[in-house]
N, C-alpha and C. Protein backbone atom coordinates (compact mmCIF):
# COMPACT_ATOMS: atom_id res chain seq x y z
N MET A 1 11.69 -6.85 4.01
CA MET A 1 10.99 -7.84 4.80
C MET A 1 10.84 -7.32 6.23
N HIS A 2 9.77 -7.77 6.86
CA HIS A 2 9.56 -7.41 8.27
C HIS A 2 8.83 -8.54 8.98
N ASN A 3 8.84 -8.49 10.29
CA ASN A 3 8.17 -9.54 11.06
C ASN A 3 7.05 -9.00 11.93
N CYS A 4 6.50 -7.85 11.56
CA CYS A 4 5.37 -7.29 12.29
C CYS A 4 4.13 -8.16 12.05
N ALA A 5 3.29 -8.28 13.05
CA ALA A 5 2.05 -9.05 12.90
C ALA A 5 1.13 -8.32 11.93
N THR A 6 0.56 -9.06 10.98
CA THR A 6 -0.37 -8.48 10.02
C THR A 6 -1.58 -9.38 9.89
N ALA A 7 -2.60 -8.87 9.24
CA ALA A 7 -3.82 -9.64 8.99
C ALA A 7 -4.31 -9.32 7.59
N GLY A 8 -5.26 -10.09 7.12
CA GLY A 8 -5.82 -9.82 5.80
C GLY A 8 -6.29 -8.38 5.70
N GLY A 9 -6.00 -7.75 4.58
CA GLY A 9 -6.39 -6.36 4.36
C GLY A 9 -5.40 -5.35 4.90
N SER A 10 -4.25 -5.81 5.37
CA SER A 10 -3.28 -4.86 5.95
C SER A 10 -2.37 -4.21 4.92
N SER A 11 -2.50 -4.60 3.66
CA SER A 11 -1.66 -3.98 2.62
C SER A 11 -1.88 -2.48 2.60
N GLY A 12 -0.76 -1.76 2.53
CA GLY A 12 -0.81 -0.30 2.54
C GLY A 12 -0.74 0.28 3.94
N GLY A 13 -0.79 -0.57 4.94
CA GLY A 13 -0.71 -0.09 6.32
C GLY A 13 0.70 0.34 6.66
N PRO A 14 0.83 1.30 7.57
CA PRO A 14 2.16 1.83 7.92
C PRO A 14 2.94 0.92 8.83
N LEU A 15 4.25 0.93 8.66
CA LEU A 15 5.18 0.34 9.62
C LEU A 15 5.86 1.52 10.30
N ILE A 16 5.72 1.58 11.59
CA ILE A 16 6.17 2.74 12.35
C ILE A 16 7.38 2.36 13.20
N ALA A 17 8.39 3.24 13.20
CA ALA A 17 9.57 3.04 14.03
C ALA A 17 9.87 4.34 14.77
N TRP A 18 10.46 4.19 15.92
CA TRP A 18 10.89 5.37 16.68
C TRP A 18 12.26 5.79 16.17
N VAL A 19 12.37 7.05 15.79
CA VAL A 19 13.63 7.64 15.36
C VAL A 19 13.89 8.78 16.34
N GLY A 20 14.90 8.60 17.17
CA GLY A 20 15.08 9.54 18.27
C GLY A 20 13.91 9.35 19.23
N GLU A 21 13.19 10.41 19.48
CA GLU A 21 12.02 10.31 20.37
C GLU A 21 10.71 10.52 19.61
N GLN A 22 10.74 10.37 18.28
CA GLN A 22 9.55 10.60 17.47
C GLN A 22 9.19 9.35 16.67
N PRO A 23 7.89 9.04 16.56
CA PRO A 23 7.48 7.93 15.70
C PRO A 23 7.43 8.41 14.25
N TYR A 24 7.92 7.57 13.34
CA TYR A 24 7.90 7.88 11.91
C TYR A 24 7.39 6.67 11.15
N ILE A 25 6.65 6.94 10.07
CA ILE A 25 6.28 5.87 9.16
C ILE A 25 7.51 5.60 8.31
N VAL A 26 8.06 4.38 8.40
CA VAL A 26 9.29 4.05 7.69
C VAL A 26 9.05 3.16 6.48
N ALA A 27 7.86 2.53 6.41
CA ALA A 27 7.55 1.66 5.28
C ALA A 27 6.04 1.42 5.24
N LEU A 28 5.59 0.87 4.10
CA LEU A 28 4.19 0.46 3.95
C LEU A 28 4.14 -1.03 3.68
N ASN A 29 3.31 -1.73 4.43
CA ASN A 29 3.14 -3.17 4.24
C ASN A 29 2.53 -3.43 2.87
N ASN A 30 3.03 -4.43 2.14
CA ASN A 30 2.43 -4.68 0.82
C ASN A 30 2.14 -6.15 0.52
N ALA A 31 2.66 -7.11 1.27
CA ALA A 31 2.37 -8.51 0.96
C ALA A 31 2.84 -9.40 2.09
N ASP A 32 2.27 -10.60 2.11
CA ASP A 32 2.78 -11.61 3.03
C ASP A 32 3.04 -12.89 2.24
N ILE A 33 3.99 -13.66 2.73
CA ILE A 33 4.32 -14.93 2.11
C ILE A 33 3.94 -16.01 3.11
N LYS A 34 3.12 -16.95 2.64
CA LYS A 34 2.62 -18.02 3.51
C LYS A 34 3.02 -19.38 2.97
N ASN A 35 3.09 -20.34 3.86
CA ASN A 35 3.23 -21.74 3.48
C ASN A 35 1.85 -22.18 2.99
N LEU A 36 1.73 -22.52 1.72
CA LEU A 36 0.43 -22.84 1.15
C LEU A 36 -0.17 -24.13 1.72
N GLU A 37 0.66 -25.02 2.23
CA GLU A 37 0.14 -26.26 2.81
C GLU A 37 -0.43 -26.05 4.21
N THR A 38 0.21 -25.20 5.00
CA THR A 38 -0.23 -25.00 6.39
C THR A 38 -0.90 -23.65 6.61
N ASN A 39 -0.84 -22.76 5.63
CA ASN A 39 -1.35 -21.38 5.72
C ASN A 39 -0.63 -20.58 6.80
N GLN A 40 0.55 -21.03 7.21
CA GLN A 40 1.34 -20.33 8.22
C GLN A 40 2.15 -19.23 7.56
N ASP A 41 2.21 -18.07 8.25
CA ASP A 41 3.01 -16.95 7.75
C ASP A 41 4.48 -17.32 7.74
N ILE A 42 5.19 -16.94 6.67
CA ILE A 42 6.63 -17.12 6.58
C ILE A 42 7.31 -15.78 6.81
N THR A 43 6.91 -14.76 6.07
CA THR A 43 7.46 -13.41 6.24
C THR A 43 6.50 -12.41 5.62
N ASN A 44 6.74 -11.15 5.89
CA ASN A 44 5.96 -10.06 5.32
C ASN A 44 6.88 -9.15 4.52
N LEU A 45 6.32 -8.50 3.52
CA LEU A 45 7.09 -7.60 2.67
C LEU A 45 6.56 -6.18 2.80
N ALA A 46 7.43 -5.23 2.61
CA ALA A 46 7.06 -3.81 2.70
C ALA A 46 7.90 -3.00 1.72
N VAL A 47 7.42 -1.79 1.47
CA VAL A 47 8.14 -0.84 0.62
C VAL A 47 8.60 0.30 1.52
N LYS A 48 9.91 0.59 1.49
CA LYS A 48 10.45 1.66 2.33
C LYS A 48 9.96 3.03 1.85
N ILE A 49 9.69 3.90 2.80
CA ILE A 49 9.21 5.24 2.49
C ILE A 49 10.24 6.01 1.68
N ASP A 50 11.53 5.86 1.96
CA ASP A 50 12.53 6.61 1.19
C ASP A 50 12.50 6.21 -0.29
N PHE A 51 12.18 4.96 -0.60
CA PHE A 51 12.02 4.55 -2.00
C PHE A 51 10.83 5.26 -2.62
N LEU A 52 9.72 5.33 -1.90
CA LEU A 52 8.53 6.02 -2.41
C LEU A 52 8.80 7.51 -2.59
N ASP A 53 9.55 8.11 -1.67
CA ASP A 53 9.92 9.53 -1.80
C ASP A 53 10.69 9.77 -3.08
N LYS A 54 11.61 8.86 -3.42
CA LYS A 54 12.39 9.01 -4.66
C LYS A 54 11.51 8.90 -5.89
N LEU A 55 10.53 8.00 -5.86
CA LEU A 55 9.61 7.88 -6.99
C LEU A 55 8.82 9.16 -7.21
N VAL A 56 8.33 9.74 -6.13
CA VAL A 56 7.54 10.96 -6.24
C VAL A 56 8.39 12.13 -6.72
N ALA A 57 9.65 12.18 -6.25
CA ALA A 57 10.55 13.27 -6.61
C ALA A 57 11.09 13.09 -8.04
N GLY A 58 10.93 11.90 -8.62
CA GLY A 58 11.40 11.66 -9.97
C GLY A 58 12.88 11.34 -10.05
N ASN A 59 13.49 10.93 -8.94
CA ASN A 59 14.91 10.59 -8.93
C ASN A 59 15.11 9.13 -9.14
């Protein structure tokens, strides 16, 4: 979960964090959860890059 501001169509967009003095993509945005009555954002979901790295490596 993350609390970065997102908009429609942002799925797959990078979440960037500073590690030391370098920016790194640490996750990819994949969904948002909204209150269906008010359409207000509750939280956003993402997939961590290290999880995706393990999938690609076959581990």
